[in-house]
Amino acid sequence: MLKDYTKLDATQIYKLMSQTVIPRPIAWIVTEDEGILNIAPFSYFIPLSSKPPIVIVSIGHKEDATPKDTLANIRKNKKATICFVNETNLELMKQTALSLPKEESEIEKFHIKTTPIIKDFPPIVSSTQSALFVTLYEELDLKGKTIPLLLEVQSQYIDDKIINDDGSLQLDNIARVGKEFATLEKI
């Protein structure tokens, strides 16, 4: 199923976002630049608004003070795909937290299967239950080490298997709880 947020009313968007973006979920962000797919996890990630549908994620810099690849790619291409981490892909997500050179793809290095869903957006991680296709709305300057990005949700992928008869979602998202990770059932 693919939900086009431009065709939904504020209540529908609110329900989808509030059921999907749970407290401190991991934003496993896929970006692309010059044909190289980058993927990295970020736990400073929450919904901000449902009209317009905005999420916020804070992205830091590398040890050499240059922007992380995810930040550089979003600034350049204005698009990203945010996949939600579940128990199936938790170990892969941990591997993608390693810093690799910009010209090296975590997706290739760690053999992460992806599926293209929307033309001109990076693919989703094939094992994700839900993903948000976002565009850069605004960058905030908090004069700190991280850069908060406001990202507007254009569409949302939802695995049909997690949609209940009443339309609600039964996600198996992993959330960041302090320094540990947990499923909703364990929080």
Protein backbone atom coordinates (compact mmCIF):
# COMPACT_ATOMS: atom_id res chain seq x y z
CA MET A 1 0.00 0.00 0.00
CA LEU A 2 1.18 3.50 -0.73
CA LYS A 3 -0.39 6.52 0.94
CA ASP A 4 -0.12 9.84 -0.91
CA TYR A 5 -0.13 12.48 1.82
CA THR A 6 -1.21 15.19 -0.60
CA LYS A 7 -4.55 13.38 -0.95
CA LEU A 8 -5.21 12.83 2.79
CA ASP A 9 -6.90 15.13 5.26
CA ALA A 10 -5.23 16.27 8.49
CA THR A 11 -6.95 13.58 10.61
CA GLN A 12 -5.84 10.76 8.33
CA ILE A 13 -2.28 12.08 8.29
CA TYR A 14 -2.26 12.49 12.07
CA LYS A 15 -3.43 8.90 12.60
CA LEU A 16 -0.82 7.47 10.22
CA MET A 17 2.03 9.54 11.65
CA SER A 18 1.08 9.02 15.31
CA GLN A 19 0.83 5.24 14.83
CA THR A 20 4.07 5.04 12.86
CA VAL A 21 6.41 7.56 14.45
CA ILE A 22 6.55 6.22 18.00
CA PRO A 23 8.62 7.74 20.88
CA ARG A 24 12.27 7.86 19.84
CA PRO A 25 12.04 5.48 16.94
CA ILE A 26 15.12 5.00 14.83
CA ALA A 27 15.10 6.98 11.59
CA TRP A 28 17.11 4.71 9.29
CA ILE A 29 17.69 7.23 6.55
CA VAL A 30 18.51 6.26 2.97
CA THR A 31 19.97 8.97 0.75
CA GLU A 32 21.70 8.95 -2.61
CA ASP A 33 24.43 10.99 -4.23
CA GLU A 34 26.22 10.35 -7.51
CA GLY A 35 24.76 6.83 -7.64
CA ILE A 36 26.01 5.88 -4.16
CA LEU A 37 23.33 4.86 -1.66
CA ASN A 38 24.00 5.89 1.93
CA ILE A 39 22.09 4.57 4.93
CA ALA A 40 22.51 5.63 8.55
CA PRO A 41 20.46 5.46 11.77
CA PHE A 42 19.38 8.52 13.77
CA SER A 43 17.48 8.43 17.06
CA TYR A 44 16.87 12.17 17.38
CA PHE A 45 13.71 11.85 15.34
CA ILE A 46 10.06 12.71 16.04
CA PRO A 47 6.87 13.87 14.32
CA LEU A 48 6.40 17.61 14.49
CA SER A 49 3.20 18.41 12.59
CA SER A 50 0.50 16.62 10.62
CA LYS A 51 -0.57 19.61 8.50
CA PRO A 52 1.88 19.98 6.85
CA PRO A 53 3.13 16.45 7.60
CA ILE A 54 6.57 17.23 9.07
CA VAL A 55 9.08 15.11 10.96
CA ILE A 56 12.27 16.45 12.48
CA VAL A 57 15.61 14.68 12.62
CA SER A 58 18.86 16.02 14.00
CA ILE A 59 22.04 15.06 12.18
CA GLY A 60 25.54 15.75 13.40
CA HIS A 61 28.95 16.06 11.83
CA LYS A 62 31.84 13.66 11.31
CA GLU A 63 34.86 13.73 13.61
CA ASP A 64 36.63 16.03 11.14
CA ALA A 65 33.72 18.53 11.50
CA THR A 66 32.39 17.95 7.95
CA PRO A 67 28.68 17.15 7.58
CA LYS A 68 27.71 13.49 7.83
CA ASP A 69 26.93 11.98 4.42
CA THR A 70 23.19 11.90 5.20
CA LEU A 71 23.15 15.63 5.94
CA ALA A 72 25.25 16.48 2.87
CA ASN A 73 23.06 14.32 0.62
CA ILE A 74 19.77 15.79 1.90
CA ARG A 75 21.13 19.31 1.52
CA LYS A 76 22.18 18.56 -2.06
CA ASN A 77 19.28 16.42 -3.33
CA LYS A 78 16.45 17.57 -1.02
CA LYS A 79 15.09 13.98 -0.70
CA ALA A 80 15.43 10.97 1.56
CA THR A 81 13.63 7.79 2.52
CA ILE A 82 13.20 7.07 6.22
CA CYS A 83 12.83 3.37 7.03
CA PHE A 84 11.66 2.13 10.41
CA VAL A 85 13.83 -0.48 12.11
CA ASN A 86 12.28 -3.72 13.38
CA GLU A 87 13.72 -6.84 15.02
CA THR A 88 14.41 -8.37 11.59
CA ASN A 89 16.85 -5.64 10.62
CA LEU A 90 18.17 -4.45 14.02
CA GLU A 91 21.64 -5.97 13.60
CA LEU A 92 21.99 -4.50 10.10
CA MET A 93 20.97 -1.09 11.45
CA LYS A 94 23.71 -1.30 14.11
CA GLN A 95 26.30 -2.04 11.40
CA THR A 96 25.23 1.02 9.41
CA ALA A 97 26.09 3.26 12.38
CA LEU A 98 29.76 2.82 11.42
CA SER A 99 31.33 5.77 9.63
CA LEU A 100 32.38 4.86 6.10
CA PRO A 101 34.02 7.01 3.43
CA LYS A 102 31.46 8.93 1.35
CA GLU A 103 32.25 6.88 -1.75
CA GLU A 104 31.46 3.60 0.04
CA SER A 105 27.84 2.46 0.34
CA GLU A 106 26.69 0.83 3.58
CA ILE A 107 23.97 -0.89 1.56
CA GLU A 108 26.58 -2.63 -0.58
CA LYS A 109 29.11 -3.24 2.22
CA PHE A 110 26.57 -4.89 4.53
CA HIS A 111 24.50 -6.56 1.76
CA ILE A 112 21.28 -4.76 2.67
CA LYS A 113 18.42 -5.64 0.34
CA THR A 114 16.48 -2.65 -0.93
CA THR A 115 13.36 -2.14 -3.01
CA PRO A 116 12.65 0.94 -5.13
CA ILE A 117 9.12 2.20 -4.48
CA ILE A 118 8.85 5.78 -5.77
CA LYS A 119 10.77 7.13 -8.75
CA ASP A 120 13.35 9.78 -7.82
CA PHE A 121 13.41 8.75 -4.13
CA PRO A 122 15.97 6.41 -2.55
CA PRO A 123 14.73 2.81 -2.12
CA ILE A 124 13.36 1.32 1.09
CA VAL A 125 15.11 -1.40 3.05
CA SER A 126 13.22 -4.50 1.88
CA SER A 127 12.63 -5.78 5.43
CA THR A 128 11.10 -2.54 6.73
CA GLN A 129 7.42 -2.53 7.67
CA SER A 130 6.99 1.17 6.98
CA ALA A 131 8.93 3.99 5.34
CA LEU A 132 8.45 7.71 4.82
CA PHE A 133 9.39 9.45 1.58
CA VAL A 134 10.45 12.95 2.59
CA THR A 135 11.69 16.20 1.10
CA LEU A 136 13.70 18.91 2.82
CA TYR A 137 11.31 21.53 4.17
CA GLU A 138 13.72 23.62 6.23
CA GLU A 139 17.04 23.44 8.02
CA LEU A 140 17.27 24.97 11.49
CA ASP A 141 20.38 26.64 12.83
CA LEU A 142 20.61 25.92 16.54
CA LYS A 143 24.29 26.82 16.52
CA GLY A 144 25.17 23.43 17.99
CA LYS A 145 26.81 20.24 16.89
CA THR A 146 23.68 18.83 15.30
CA ILE A 147 21.57 20.25 12.52
CA PRO A 148 17.80 19.77 12.88
CA LEU A 149 16.13 19.17 9.53
CA LEU A 150 12.42 19.61 9.02
CA LEU A 151 11.39 16.97 6.49
CA GLU A 152 7.99 16.96 4.80
CA VAL A 153 6.39 13.56 4.30
CA GLN A 154 5.25 13.15 0.71
CA SER A 155 4.20 9.50 0.89
CA GLN A 156 4.35 6.54 3.22
CA TYR A 157 4.97 2.89 2.41
CA ILE A 158 3.13 0.45 4.68
CA ASP A 159 3.54 -3.32 4.44
CA ASP A 160 0.02 -4.71 3.89
CA LYS A 161 0.70 -7.44 6.50
CA ILE A 162 0.76 -4.89 9.35
CA ILE A 163 -2.58 -3.24 8.55
CA ASN A 164 -5.36 -4.37 10.89
CA ASP A 165 -8.97 -4.79 9.73
CA ASP A 166 -9.86 -1.44 11.32
CA GLY A 167 -7.07 0.32 9.39
CA SER A 168 -4.74 0.71 12.38
CA LEU A 169 -1.13 -0.41 12.12
CA GLN A 170 0.58 -3.24 14.00
CA LEU A 171 4.23 -2.15 13.78
CA ASP A 172 7.22 -3.93 15.25
CA ASN A 173 9.37 -0.77 15.44
CA ILE A 174 12.55 -0.67 17.47
CA ALA A 175 12.84 2.39 19.68
CA ARG A 176 15.88 3.92 21.31
CA VAL A 177 15.60 3.73 25.09
CA GLY A 178 18.67 5.37 26.59
CA LYS A 179 21.64 3.51 25.16
CA GLU A 180 19.62 0.37 24.45
CA PHE A 181 17.09 -0.61 21.80
CA ALA A 182 13.71 -2.17 22.52
CA THR A 183 10.53 -3.13 20.71
CA LEU A 184 7.27 -1.52 21.73
CA GLU A 185 6.32 -4.69 23.57
CA LYS A 186 9.37 -4.30 25.85
CA ILE A 187 8.90 -0.61 26.66
